[in-house]
Amino acid sequence: MKFERYNPKLKKLARNLRKNGTKSEIVLWRYLRNKQL
């Protein structure tokens, strides 16, 4: 099986998105944590 290298630019973007979610994601995770969905 061959693995492709991860693009360093995408890695930086992915890390930033995980730390700073969009408003919609923040609201969604709040509901999921409180089991209200």
PDB file of N, CA and C in Angstrom:
ATOM      1  N   MET A   1       0.854  -1.174   0.000  1.00  0.00           N
ATOM      2  CA  MET A   1       0.000   0.000   0.000  1.00  0.00           C
ATOM      3  C   MET A   1       0.900   1.238   0.000  1.00  0.00           C
ATOM      4  N   LYS A   2       0.547   2.206  -0.832  1.00  0.00           N
ATOM      5  CA  LYS A   2       1.346   3.423  -0.951  1.00  0.00           C
ATOM      6  C   LYS A   2       0.642   4.573  -0.228  1.00  0.00           C
ATOM      7  N   PHE A   3       1.393   5.320   0.545  1.00  0.00           N
ATOM      8  CA  PHE A   3       0.856   6.469   1.263  1.00  0.00           C
ATOM      9  C   PHE A   3       1.329   7.750   0.598  1.00  0.00           C
ATOM     10  N   GLU A   4       0.442   8.722   0.519  1.00  0.00           N
ATOM     11  CA  GLU A   4       0.821  10.014  -0.039  1.00  0.00           C
ATOM     12  C   GLU A   4       1.250  10.937   1.090  1.00  0.00           C
ATOM     13  N   ARG A   5       2.204  11.780   0.784  1.00  0.00           N
ATOM     14  CA  ARG A   5       2.679  12.750   1.775  1.00  0.00           C
ATOM     15  C   ARG A   5       1.601  13.792   2.048  1.00  0.00           C
ATOM     16  N   TYR A   6       1.580  14.287   3.278  1.00  0.00           N
ATOM     17  CA  TYR A   6       0.613  15.308   3.674  1.00  0.00           C
ATOM     18  C   TYR A   6       1.174  16.673   3.308  1.00  0.00           C
ATOM     19  N   ASN A   7       0.379  17.487   2.668  1.00  0.00           N
ATOM     20  CA  ASN A   7       0.811  18.817   2.263  1.00  0.00           C
ATOM     21  C   ASN A   7       0.989  19.691   3.511  1.00  0.00           C
ATOM     22  N   PRO A   8       2.198  20.226   3.746  1.00  0.00           N
ATOM     23  CA  PRO A   8       2.446  21.046   4.947  1.00  0.00           C
ATOM     24  C   PRO A   8       1.520  22.255   5.051  1.00  0.00           C
ATOM     25  N   LYS A   9       1.135  22.831   3.923  1.00  0.00           N
ATOM     26  CA  LYS A   9       0.231  23.980   3.955  1.00  0.00           C
ATOM     27  C   LYS A   9      -1.144  23.561   4.471  1.00  0.00           C
ATOM     28  N   LEU A  10      -1.595  22.393   4.058  1.00  0.00           N
ATOM     29  CA  LEU A  10      -2.890  21.902   4.525  1.00  0.00           C
ATOM     30  C   LEU A  10      -2.835  21.528   5.996  1.00  0.00           C
ATOM     31  N   LYS A  11      -1.687  21.043   6.451  1.00  0.00           N
ATOM     32  CA  LYS A  11      -1.534  20.669   7.854  1.00  0.00           C
ATOM     33  C   LYS A  11      -1.709  21.892   8.749  1.00  0.00           C
ATOM     34  N   LYS A  12      -1.113  23.004   8.348  1.00  0.00           N
ATOM     35  CA  LYS A  12      -1.236  24.243   9.120  1.00  0.00           C
ATOM     36  C   LYS A  12      -2.694  24.728   9.132  1.00  0.00           C
ATOM     37  N   LEU A  13      -3.346  24.658   7.987  1.00  0.00           N
ATOM     38  CA  LEU A  13      -4.747  25.069   7.893  1.00  0.00           C
ATOM     39  C   LEU A  13      -5.639  24.173   8.746  1.00  0.00           C
ATOM     40  N   ALA A  14      -5.411  22.862   8.681  1.00  0.00           N
ATOM     41  CA  ALA A  14      -6.220  21.914   9.451  1.00  0.00           C
ATOM     42  C   ALA A  14      -6.074  22.164  10.947  1.00  0.00           C
ATOM     43  N   ARG A  15      -4.860  22.419  11.395  1.00  0.00           N
ATOM     44  CA  ARG A  15      -4.625  22.690  12.817  1.00  0.00           C
ATOM     45  C   ARG A  15      -5.367  23.952  13.241  1.00  0.00           C
ATOM     46  N   ASN A  16      -5.326  24.984  12.402  1.00  0.00           N
ATOM     47  CA  ASN A  16      -6.003  26.240  12.713  1.00  0.00           C
ATOM     48  C   ASN A  16      -7.522  26.045  12.768  1.00  0.00           C
ATOM     49  N   LEU A  17      -8.067  25.261  11.836  1.00  0.00           N
ATOM     50  CA  LEU A  17      -9.509  25.016  11.834  1.00  0.00           C
ATOM     51  C   LEU A  17      -9.949  24.220  13.055  1.00  0.00           C
ATOM     52  N   ARG A  18      -9.110  23.298  13.519  1.00  0.00           N
ATOM     53  CA  ARG A  18      -9.455  22.520  14.715  1.00  0.00           C
ATOM     54  C   ARG A  18      -9.486  23.411  15.942  1.00  0.00           C
ATOM     55  N   LYS A  19      -8.554  24.354  16.016  1.00  0.00           N
ATOM     56  CA  LYS A  19      -8.492  25.234  17.188  1.00  0.00           C
ATOM     57  C   LYS A  19      -9.599  26.277  17.164  1.00  0.00           C
ATOM     58  N   ASN A  20      -9.880  26.810  15.990  1.00  0.00           N
ATOM     59  CA  ASN A  20     -10.833  27.911  15.854  1.00  0.00           C
ATOM     60  C   ASN A  20     -11.960  27.514  14.916  1.00  0.00           C
ATOM     61  N   GLY A  21     -12.942  26.834  15.435  1.00  0.00           N
ATOM     62  CA  GLY A  21     -14.061  26.398  14.610  1.00  0.00           C
ATOM     63  C   GLY A  21     -14.935  27.572  14.200  1.00  0.00           C
ATOM     64  N   THR A  22     -15.782  27.331  13.225  1.00  0.00           N
ATOM     65  CA  THR A  22     -16.729  28.360  12.815  1.00  0.00           C
ATOM     66  C   THR A  22     -17.820  28.475  13.883  1.00  0.00           C
ATOM     67  N   LYS A  23     -18.603  29.525  13.799  1.00  0.00           N
ATOM     68  CA  LYS A  23     -19.688  29.702  14.772  1.00  0.00           C
ATOM     69  C   LYS A  23     -20.649  28.521  14.735  1.00  0.00           C
ATOM     70  N   SER A  24     -20.935  28.051  13.534  1.00  0.00           N
ATOM     71  CA  SER A  24     -21.845  26.908  13.388  1.00  0.00           C
ATOM     72  C   SER A  24     -21.287  25.667  14.062  1.00  0.00           C
ATOM     73  N   GLU A  25     -19.994  25.426  13.906  1.00  0.00           N
ATOM     74  CA  GLU A  25     -19.373  24.255  14.526  1.00  0.00           C
ATOM     75  C   GLU A  25     -19.381  24.360  16.042  1.00  0.00           C
ATOM     76  N   ILE A  26     -19.133  25.547  16.552  1.00  0.00           N
ATOM     77  CA  ILE A  26     -19.128  25.758  18.001  1.00  0.00           C
ATOM     78  C   ILE A  26     -20.508  25.454  18.583  1.00  0.00           C
ATOM     79  N   VAL A  27     -21.553  25.963  17.916  1.00  0.00           N
ATOM     80  CA  VAL A  27     -22.924  25.713  18.377  1.00  0.00           C
ATOM     81  C   VAL A  27     -23.252  24.232  18.279  1.00  0.00           C
ATOM     82  N   LEU A  28     -22.883  23.601  17.169  1.00  0.00           N
ATOM     83  CA  LEU A  28     -23.141  22.170  16.993  1.00  0.00           C
ATOM     84  C   LEU A  28     -22.478  21.356  18.095  1.00  0.00           C
ATOM     85  N   TRP A  29     -21.207  21.608  18.368  1.00  0.00           N
ATOM     86  CA  TRP A  29     -20.500  20.839  19.405  1.00  0.00           C
ATOM     87  C   TRP A  29     -21.086  21.096  20.788  1.00  0.00           C
ATOM     88  N   ARG A  30     -21.577  22.310  21.035  1.00  0.00           N
ATOM     89  CA  ARG A  30     -22.208  22.604  22.326  1.00  0.00           C
ATOM     90  C   ARG A  30     -23.450  21.736  22.505  1.00  0.00           C
ATOM     91  N   TYR A  31     -24.273  21.645  21.457  1.00  0.00           N
ATOM     92  CA  TYR A  31     -25.469  20.800  21.526  1.00  0.00           C
ATOM     93  C   TYR A  31     -25.105  19.328  21.658  1.00  0.00           C
ATOM     94  N   LEU A  32     -24.102  18.887  20.925  1.00  0.00           N
ATOM     95  CA  LEU A  32     -23.700  17.484  20.998  1.00  0.00           C
ATOM     96  C   LEU A  32     -23.168  17.124  22.384  1.00  0.00           C
ATOM     97  N   ARG A  33     -22.399  18.040  22.976  1.00  0.00           N
ATOM     98  CA  ARG A  33     -21.857  17.785  24.316  1.00  0.00           C
ATOM     99  C   ARG A  33     -22.968  17.674  25.346  1.00  0.00           C
ATOM    100  N   ASN A  34     -23.982  18.498  25.194  1.00  0.00           N
ATOM    101  CA  ASN A  34     -25.098  18.493  26.151  1.00  0.00           C
ATOM    102  C   ASN A  34     -26.187  17.498  25.772  1.00  0.00           C
ATOM    103  N   LYS A  35     -25.947  16.715  24.749  1.00  0.00           N
ATOM    104  CA  LYS A  35     -26.896  15.691  24.276  1.00  0.00           C
ATOM    105  C   LYS A  35     -28.272  16.286  24.008  1.00  0.00           C
ATOM    106  N   GLN A  36     -28.302  17.452  23.388  1.00  0.00           N
ATOM    107  CA  GLN A  36     -29.556  18.120  23.083  1.00  0.00           C
ATOM    108  C   GLN A  36     -29.947  17.978  21.616  1.00  0.00           C
ATOM    109  N   LEU A  37     -29.210  17.205  20.866  1.00  0.00           N
ATOM    110  CA  LEU A  37     -29.511  17.086  19.441  1.00  0.00           C
ATOM    111  C   LEU A  37     -30.051  15.717  19.120  1.00  0.00           C
TER     112      LEU A  37
END
